[in-house]
């Protein structure tokens, strides 16, 4: 497994779809994963510590894992089937480990809230990641947040058909 960090959440201009960029911690490859708008918002909330009056779904799951005596050990982006990425949550408990299937976007949102490492399968990283220049993903955090807000304000359900 290759440890990655969330490098950026962007909106792909051509498809008007949010995109995660996961960069390897000890290297320069970046794995892009298209995600849904609600998941992009959840990740943006976690990245920018946006306060909410009630727990969001990922906050609730994180609190539930803790309340049951567990800890999110890591999240793993495990494989690609067709054009769909698959992930797993590895949760440690006092009785052992539990592995739960998840969407990569939900796994990343949960990892950001819990501080758990994000891992990518070696073969998947080798086949799907690419080298990106800093100019491709760098940006002012306020600009990125504004870009995401503008996308969420303008997106319509029919954009995803």
Protein backbone atom coordinates (compact mmCIF):
# COMPACT_ATOMS: atom_id res chain seq x y z
CA UNK A 1 0.00 0.00 0.00
CA UNK A 2 1.09 3.55 -0.78
CA UNK A 3 0.26 6.29 1.71
CA UNK A 4 -1.33 9.34 0.10
CA UNK A 5 -2.61 12.71 1.24
CA UNK A 6 -5.43 14.77 -0.12
CA UNK A 7 -3.66 17.26 -2.34
CA UNK A 8 -6.76 19.09 -3.60
CA UNK A 9 -10.44 18.93 -4.37
CA UNK A 10 -11.09 20.47 -7.76
CA UNK A 11 -13.92 20.71 -10.23
CA UNK A 12 -13.21 19.17 -13.64
CA UNK A 13 -14.15 21.91 -16.11
CA UNK A 14 -15.19 19.59 -18.95
CA UNK A 15 -17.55 17.40 -16.92
CA UNK A 16 -18.42 19.89 -14.13
CA UNK A 17 -17.67 17.06 -11.69
CA UNK A 18 -15.67 17.32 -8.45
CA UNK A 19 -12.33 15.55 -8.45
CA UNK A 20 -10.11 14.34 -5.59
CA UNK A 21 -6.37 14.50 -6.13
CA UNK A 22 -4.57 12.03 -3.86
CA UNK A 23 -0.79 12.52 -3.86
CA UNK A 24 1.62 9.92 -2.54
CA UNK A 25 3.34 11.05 0.65
CA UNK A 26 6.81 9.89 -0.40
CA UNK A 27 6.68 10.64 -4.11
CA UNK A 28 5.07 12.81 -6.74
CA UNK A 29 2.36 10.63 -8.29
CA UNK A 30 -1.23 11.81 -8.03
CA UNK A 31 -4.33 9.63 -8.26
CA UNK A 32 -7.41 11.52 -9.54
CA UNK A 33 -10.84 10.23 -8.49
CA UNK A 34 -14.13 11.75 -9.63
CA UNK A 35 -16.64 12.13 -6.79
CA UNK A 36 -20.14 13.44 -6.20
CA UNK A 37 -21.00 16.99 -5.20
CA UNK A 38 -22.31 16.10 -1.71
CA UNK A 39 -19.12 14.19 -0.93
CA UNK A 40 -17.01 17.07 -2.24
CA UNK A 41 -18.89 19.40 0.09
CA UNK A 42 -18.31 17.05 3.04
CA UNK A 43 -14.59 16.94 2.27
CA UNK A 44 -14.43 20.74 1.86
CA UNK A 45 -16.17 21.14 5.24
CA UNK A 46 -13.56 18.90 6.88
CA UNK A 47 -10.63 20.61 5.14
CA UNK A 48 -11.72 24.06 6.22
CA UNK A 49 -13.15 23.18 9.65
CA UNK A 50 -16.56 24.56 8.69
CA UNK A 51 -18.75 24.42 11.80
CA UNK A 52 -22.17 22.81 11.57
CA UNK A 53 -25.01 23.04 14.07
CA UNK A 54 -25.50 19.26 14.03
CA UNK A 55 -23.11 16.45 13.09
CA UNK A 56 -22.83 15.74 9.39
CA UNK A 57 -23.02 12.08 8.27
CA UNK A 58 -19.23 11.58 8.31
CA UNK A 59 -18.98 13.22 11.74
CA UNK A 60 -21.73 10.91 12.97
CA UNK A 61 -19.94 7.83 11.65
CA UNK A 62 -16.66 8.94 13.22
CA UNK A 63 -18.40 9.52 16.57
CA UNK A 64 -20.19 6.16 16.31
CA UNK A 65 -16.95 4.26 15.71
CA UNK A 66 -15.41 5.96 18.77
CA UNK A 67 -18.50 5.44 20.95
CA UNK A 68 -18.37 1.71 20.17
CA UNK A 69 -14.74 1.55 21.28
CA UNK A 70 -13.26 1.46 17.80
CA UNK A 71 -10.72 3.52 15.94
CA UNK A 72 -10.38 4.11 12.23
CA UNK A 73 -6.95 2.56 11.61
CA UNK A 74 -6.79 3.66 7.97
CA UNK A 75 -8.78 3.91 4.77
CA UNK A 76 -7.70 2.05 1.67
CA UNK A 77 -8.48 2.73 -1.97
CA UNK A 78 -8.42 -0.91 -3.03
CA UNK A 79 -9.30 -1.33 -6.69
CA UNK A 80 -10.95 -0.02 -9.82
CA UNK A 81 -13.82 -1.93 -11.43
CA UNK A 82 -14.78 -0.42 -14.76
CA UNK A 83 -14.70 3.28 -13.96
CA UNK A 84 -15.66 2.88 -10.28
CA UNK A 85 -13.10 3.01 -7.50
CA UNK A 86 -13.64 0.91 -4.38
CA UNK A 87 -12.37 1.56 -0.87
CA UNK A 88 -12.38 0.01 2.58
CA UNK A 89 -12.42 1.33 6.13
CA UNK A 90 -10.11 -0.61 8.47
CA UNK A 91 -11.48 -0.22 11.98
CA UNK A 92 -9.70 -1.60 15.02
CA UNK A 93 -11.67 -2.65 18.08
CA UNK A 94 -10.83 -4.40 21.33
CA UNK A 95 -11.94 -7.66 19.69
CA UNK A 96 -9.99 -7.30 16.45
CA UNK A 97 -10.22 -5.59 13.10
CA UNK A 98 -13.32 -4.89 11.03
CA UNK A 99 -13.13 -4.06 7.32
CA UNK A 100 -16.08 -2.14 5.88
CA UNK A 101 -16.59 -1.47 2.17
CA UNK A 102 -16.90 2.24 1.29
CA UNK A 103 -16.84 4.72 -1.54
CA UNK A 104 -13.45 6.45 -1.78
CA UNK A 105 -15.03 9.87 -1.26
CA UNK A 106 -16.72 8.77 1.97
CA UNK A 107 -13.53 7.04 3.11
CA UNK A 108 -11.48 10.20 2.52
CA UNK A 109 -14.08 12.40 4.25
CA UNK A 110 -13.97 10.09 7.27
CA UNK A 111 -10.17 9.91 7.28
CA UNK A 112 -9.95 13.70 7.34
CA UNK A 113 -12.23 13.84 10.38
CA UNK A 114 -10.44 11.09 12.29
CA UNK A 115 -6.85 11.76 11.30
CA UNK A 116 -6.51 8.25 9.85
CA UNK A 117 -4.01 7.60 7.04
CA UNK A 118 -5.23 7.24 3.46
CA UNK A 119 -3.68 4.32 1.57
CA UNK A 120 -3.85 3.23 -2.08
CA UNK A 121 -3.21 -0.26 -3.44
CA UNK A 122 0.29 -0.43 -5.01
CA UNK A 123 -0.90 -1.85 -8.35
CA UNK A 124 -3.72 0.69 -8.56
CA UNK A 125 -1.33 3.56 -7.91
CA UNK A 126 1.07 2.22 -10.54
CA UNK A 127 -1.62 1.88 -13.20
CA UNK A 128 -3.86 4.91 -12.55
CA UNK A 129 -1.72 7.65 -11.00
CA UNK A 130 0.27 10.19 -12.95
CA UNK A 131 2.96 12.77 -12.29
CA UNK A 132 1.60 16.30 -11.89
CA UNK A 133 3.42 19.59 -11.67
CA UNK A 134 2.80 21.77 -8.62
CA UNK A 135 1.20 24.34 -10.92
CA UNK A 136 -1.50 21.80 -11.82
CA UNK A 137 -2.89 21.55 -8.29
CA UNK A 138 -1.58 24.45 -6.21
CA UNK A 139 -3.84 27.29 -5.34
CA UNK A 140 -4.90 29.62 -2.61
CA UNK A 141 -7.17 27.73 -0.16
CA UNK A 142 -9.68 30.59 -0.25
CA UNK A 143 -9.81 30.36 -4.05
CA UNK A 144 -10.36 26.60 -3.84
CA UNK A 145 -13.18 27.05 -1.34
CA UNK A 146 -14.77 29.75 -3.52
CA UNK A 147 -14.48 27.46 -6.56
CA UNK A 148 -16.21 24.63 -4.67
CA UNK A 149 -18.96 26.94 -3.36
CA UNK A 150 -19.60 28.30 -6.86
CA UNK A 151 -19.85 24.75 -8.19
CA UNK A 152 -22.28 23.69 -5.47
CA UNK A 153 -24.40 26.81 -6.02
CA UNK A 154 -24.71 26.17 -9.75
CA UNK A 155 -24.87 22.38 -10.02
CA UNK A 156 -28.22 20.83 -10.99
CA UNK A 157 -29.32 17.19 -10.75
CA UNK A 158 -29.52 16.90 -14.52
CA UNK A 159 -25.81 17.74 -14.74
CA UNK A 160 -25.12 14.19 -13.51
CA UNK A 161 -27.31 12.32 -15.99
